[in-house]
Amino acid sequence: MKTALDPTPFHHPHSLLEFPKAPVRVHQHLKIGDGDVNWDEFFGGLKEVAFLDQENTVMVSSVFAEDGKAEEVSRYQLETMKQYVQKVSL
């Protein structure tokens, strides 16, 4: 079994092992809506600090948990981010 300190690669490059009672918080890069992030609050915060008001703002989505569906998930992420930006900009 691999541990977090093992320098050799995991079988899958994005595998995470969670150890019972480990004093760490494991995070994964899931698509919007699949995790425990409050996206209304997140995008509202971006609006509140004027991040969304800047002409040169860049947003990036990194989803690792959707092997084999990268294009589908990328399109979903883009559309969902656009919807949230529009929602908080009204």
Protein backbone atom coordinates (compact mmCIF):
# COMPACT_ATOMS: atom_id res chain seq x y z
CA MET A 1 0.00 0.00 0.00
CA LYS A 2 1.25 3.47 -0.85
CA THR A 3 1.44 6.23 1.70
CA ALA A 4 1.44 9.97 1.30
CA LEU A 5 5.22 9.97 1.78
CA ASP A 6 5.97 7.37 -0.90
CA PRO A 7 7.77 9.20 -3.75
CA THR A 8 6.87 6.66 -6.44
CA PRO A 9 3.80 7.49 -8.54
CA PHE A 10 0.40 6.09 -7.76
CA HIS A 11 -1.16 3.71 -10.29
CA HIS A 12 -3.50 6.53 -11.28
CA PRO A 13 -1.91 10.00 -11.38
CA HIS A 14 -4.79 11.64 -9.52
CA SER A 15 -5.45 8.98 -6.88
CA LEU A 16 -5.79 10.11 -3.30
CA LEU A 17 -5.60 7.86 -0.31
CA GLU A 18 -7.39 8.86 2.83
CA PHE A 19 -6.03 7.44 6.03
CA PRO A 20 -8.41 6.96 8.95
CA LYS A 21 -7.94 9.64 11.60
CA ALA A 22 -5.19 11.34 9.59
CA PRO A 23 -4.62 14.93 10.77
CA VAL A 24 -5.06 16.29 7.23
CA ARG A 25 -7.90 17.40 5.05
CA VAL A 26 -7.92 15.70 1.68
CA HIS A 27 -9.34 17.65 -1.22
CA GLN A 28 -10.26 16.66 -4.73
CA HIS A 29 -10.90 18.70 -7.84
CA LEU A 30 -14.53 17.86 -8.60
CA LYS A 31 -16.89 19.53 -11.03
CA ILE A 32 -19.08 22.33 -9.76
CA GLY A 33 -21.91 20.90 -7.70
CA ASP A 34 -20.25 17.59 -6.80
CA GLY A 35 -18.36 18.73 -3.71
CA ASP A 36 -19.15 20.61 -0.54
CA VAL A 37 -18.37 24.14 -1.80
CA ASN A 38 -21.16 26.69 -1.54
CA TRP A 39 -20.89 28.06 -5.07
CA ASP A 40 -23.45 30.83 -4.57
CA GLU A 41 -21.30 32.15 -1.73
CA PHE A 42 -18.08 31.63 -3.70
CA PHE A 43 -19.21 33.55 -6.77
CA GLY A 44 -20.93 36.14 -4.59
CA GLY A 45 -17.58 36.69 -2.89
CA LEU A 46 -15.87 37.17 -6.24
CA LYS A 47 -18.46 39.82 -7.08
CA GLU A 48 -18.13 41.44 -3.66
CA VAL A 49 -14.39 42.03 -4.09
CA ALA A 50 -14.91 43.27 -7.68
CA PHE A 51 -13.03 40.33 -9.21
CA LEU A 52 -15.79 39.85 -11.77
CA ASP A 53 -15.83 43.55 -12.66
CA GLN A 54 -12.30 43.60 -14.05
CA GLU A 55 -11.87 43.46 -17.81
CA ASN A 56 -8.85 41.14 -17.59
CA THR A 57 -10.28 38.62 -15.09
CA VAL A 58 -9.34 35.00 -15.72
CA MET A 59 -11.08 31.98 -14.20
CA VAL A 60 -9.67 28.46 -14.37
CA SER A 61 -11.33 25.15 -13.69
CA SER A 62 -9.25 22.08 -12.80
CA VAL A 63 -11.29 18.88 -12.55
CA PHE A 64 -9.35 15.66 -12.00
CA ALA A 65 -12.10 13.22 -11.03
CA GLU A 66 -13.77 12.83 -14.42
CA ASP A 67 -11.47 10.61 -16.46
CA GLY A 68 -12.75 9.89 -19.92
CA LYS A 69 -15.16 12.83 -19.90
CA ALA A 70 -12.73 15.75 -20.05
CA GLU A 71 -14.38 17.56 -22.94
CA GLU A 72 -17.90 17.10 -21.55
CA VAL A 73 -16.85 18.26 -18.09
CA SER A 74 -14.91 21.22 -19.49
CA ARG A 75 -17.99 22.41 -21.37
CA TYR A 76 -20.13 21.88 -18.24
CA GLN A 77 -17.68 23.87 -16.11
CA LEU A 78 -17.55 26.75 -18.58
CA GLU A 79 -21.32 26.97 -18.90
CA THR A 80 -21.85 26.66 -15.14
CA MET A 81 -19.27 29.36 -14.36
CA LYS A 82 -20.91 31.67 -16.91
CA GLN A 83 -24.30 31.05 -15.29
CA TYR A 84 -22.97 31.84 -11.81
CA VAL A 85 -21.25 35.02 -13.04
CA GLN A 86 -24.48 36.15 -14.71
CA LYS A 87 -26.50 35.25 -11.59
CA VAL A 88 -24.38 37.34 -9.21
CA SER A 89 -24.05 40.20 -11.69
CA LEU A 90 -27.79 40.94 -11.90
